[in-house]
């Protein structure tokens, strides 16, 4: 299955790290990148991704606001959204789960641990995607 993936991340280093992991995994994914919440919503409406990977700390609109908007739109509300963030704040985590997030992963500092998390997420959603 070819995932149509939306990565919502404003940090260029994190984007490069994510791309490096995907290249090593040799997964066939169509990746769209949004660097803020407004871009994320525009891209999601246009491309209807199979999976959204969403950072919480972003300019213009935080990740929780993006998630709230995604969940409120009929055409987007069913898209699995996984939080990838450095925040282990329990209020953020609880808010994300209350908004119907499919997963919440705190980005580890070590590249190897990060790569393993991304691999698990991509493999799981490649096998269990909702949108074709």
Protein backbone atom coordinates (compact mmCIF):
# COMPACT_ATOMS: atom_id res chain seq x y z
CA UNK A 1 0.00 0.00 0.00
CA UNK A 2 1.25 3.47 -0.80
CA UNK A 3 0.57 5.77 2.11
CA UNK A 4 -0.44 9.31 1.33
CA UNK A 5 1.16 10.92 4.37
CA UNK A 6 0.93 14.47 5.70
CA UNK A 7 3.79 15.50 8.00
CA UNK A 8 3.02 18.67 9.93
CA UNK A 9 6.32 19.92 11.29
CA UNK A 10 7.90 23.38 11.40
CA UNK A 11 11.43 22.28 12.35
CA UNK A 12 13.60 21.71 9.28
CA UNK A 13 15.93 19.33 11.16
CA UNK A 14 12.96 17.16 12.17
CA UNK A 15 11.76 17.12 8.56
CA UNK A 16 15.21 16.00 7.36
CA UNK A 17 15.37 13.36 10.11
CA UNK A 18 11.94 12.03 9.13
CA UNK A 19 12.89 11.92 5.43
CA UNK A 20 16.10 10.08 6.26
CA UNK A 21 14.17 7.42 8.19
CA UNK A 22 11.67 6.93 5.36
CA UNK A 23 14.48 6.59 2.82
CA UNK A 24 16.13 3.90 4.96
CA UNK A 25 12.82 2.06 5.33
CA UNK A 26 12.39 2.05 1.56
CA UNK A 27 8.65 2.64 1.99
CA UNK A 28 6.67 3.95 -0.93
CA UNK A 29 4.90 6.96 0.51
CA UNK A 30 3.62 10.15 -0.98
CA UNK A 31 4.66 12.77 1.54
CA UNK A 32 3.23 16.23 1.86
CA UNK A 33 4.85 18.60 4.35
CA UNK A 34 3.14 21.47 6.11
CA UNK A 35 5.16 23.83 8.26
CA UNK A 36 2.22 25.30 10.15
CA UNK A 37 -1.37 24.51 11.01
CA UNK A 38 -2.96 26.59 8.27
CA UNK A 39 -0.86 24.84 5.61
CA UNK A 40 -1.75 21.48 7.17
CA UNK A 41 -5.47 22.08 6.85
CA UNK A 42 -5.16 23.33 3.26
CA UNK A 43 -3.07 20.32 2.23
CA UNK A 44 -5.33 17.85 4.08
CA UNK A 45 -8.41 19.25 2.34
CA UNK A 46 -6.72 18.98 -1.05
CA UNK A 47 -4.98 15.59 -0.76
CA UNK A 48 -7.06 13.66 1.84
CA UNK A 49 -4.06 11.83 3.37
CA UNK A 50 -4.20 8.30 4.77
CA UNK A 51 -2.29 9.43 7.85
CA UNK A 52 -1.36 12.74 9.45
CA UNK A 53 1.74 13.03 11.65
CA UNK A 54 1.31 16.20 13.67
CA UNK A 55 3.66 18.21 15.86
CA UNK A 56 2.09 20.22 18.67
CA UNK A 57 4.32 23.31 18.81
CA UNK A 58 3.95 25.27 15.59
CA UNK A 59 3.45 28.83 14.43
CA UNK A 60 0.03 30.24 13.48
CA UNK A 61 -1.97 27.34 14.90
CA UNK A 62 -0.85 24.75 17.45
CA UNK A 63 -1.23 21.05 16.77
CA UNK A 64 -4.21 20.68 19.08
CA UNK A 65 -6.04 23.42 17.15
CA UNK A 66 -5.20 21.64 13.90
CA UNK A 67 -6.51 18.37 15.31
CA UNK A 68 -9.70 20.06 16.51
CA UNK A 69 -10.26 21.48 13.00
CA UNK A 70 -9.56 18.12 11.36
CA UNK A 71 -12.02 16.36 13.65
CA UNK A 72 -14.73 18.95 12.97
CA UNK A 73 -14.61 18.64 9.16
CA UNK A 74 -16.72 15.90 7.63
CA UNK A 75 -14.23 15.17 4.85
CA UNK A 76 -11.25 14.94 7.22
CA UNK A 77 -12.63 13.72 10.54
CA UNK A 78 -11.92 10.04 9.84
CA UNK A 79 -8.21 10.49 9.00
CA UNK A 80 -5.96 8.89 11.63
CA UNK A 81 -3.75 11.51 13.20
CA UNK A 82 -0.68 10.66 15.24
CA UNK A 83 1.00 13.26 17.42
CA UNK A 84 4.80 13.36 17.12
CA UNK A 85 6.08 15.88 19.62
CA UNK A 86 8.74 16.66 22.17
CA UNK A 87 5.99 17.51 24.70
CA UNK A 88 5.30 14.92 27.35
CA UNK A 89 2.85 17.31 29.01
CA UNK A 90 -0.04 15.20 30.32
CA UNK A 91 -2.59 17.93 29.62
CA UNK A 92 -1.53 17.98 25.95
CA UNK A 93 -1.73 14.20 25.81
CA UNK A 94 -5.17 14.11 27.42
CA UNK A 95 -6.45 16.89 25.14
CA UNK A 96 -5.14 15.04 22.08
CA UNK A 97 -6.83 11.77 23.08
CA UNK A 98 -10.07 13.62 23.86
CA UNK A 99 -9.94 14.96 20.28
CA UNK A 100 -9.59 11.44 18.90
CA UNK A 101 -5.89 11.19 18.16
CA UNK A 102 -4.76 7.75 16.94
CA UNK A 103 -1.47 7.86 18.83
CA UNK A 104 0.82 10.14 20.83
CA UNK A 105 4.56 9.69 20.55
CA UNK A 106 7.17 11.75 22.33
CA UNK A 107 10.12 12.17 19.99
CA UNK A 108 13.21 10.61 21.54
CA UNK A 109 16.54 12.39 21.37
CA UNK A 110 18.49 9.44 19.96
CA UNK A 111 18.14 8.94 16.21
CA UNK A 112 17.95 5.15 16.49
CA UNK A 113 15.00 5.31 18.88
CA UNK A 114 13.29 7.92 16.69
CA UNK A 115 13.81 5.76 13.59
CA UNK A 116 12.30 2.74 15.36
CA UNK A 117 9.21 4.76 16.38
CA UNK A 118 8.69 6.05 12.84
CA UNK A 119 9.13 2.56 11.42
CA UNK A 120 6.48 1.16 13.77
CA UNK A 121 4.03 3.96 12.94
CA UNK A 122 4.52 3.64 9.17
CA UNK A 123 4.33 -0.16 9.20
CA UNK A 124 1.18 -0.16 11.32
CA UNK A 125 -0.67 2.41 9.22
CA UNK A 126 0.54 0.88 5.96
CA UNK A 127 -1.21 -2.32 7.00
CA UNK A 128 -4.24 -0.66 8.61
CA UNK A 129 -5.01 2.38 6.47
CA UNK A 130 -8.57 3.64 6.18
CA UNK A 131 -8.40 5.67 2.98
CA UNK A 132 -7.64 4.19 -0.42
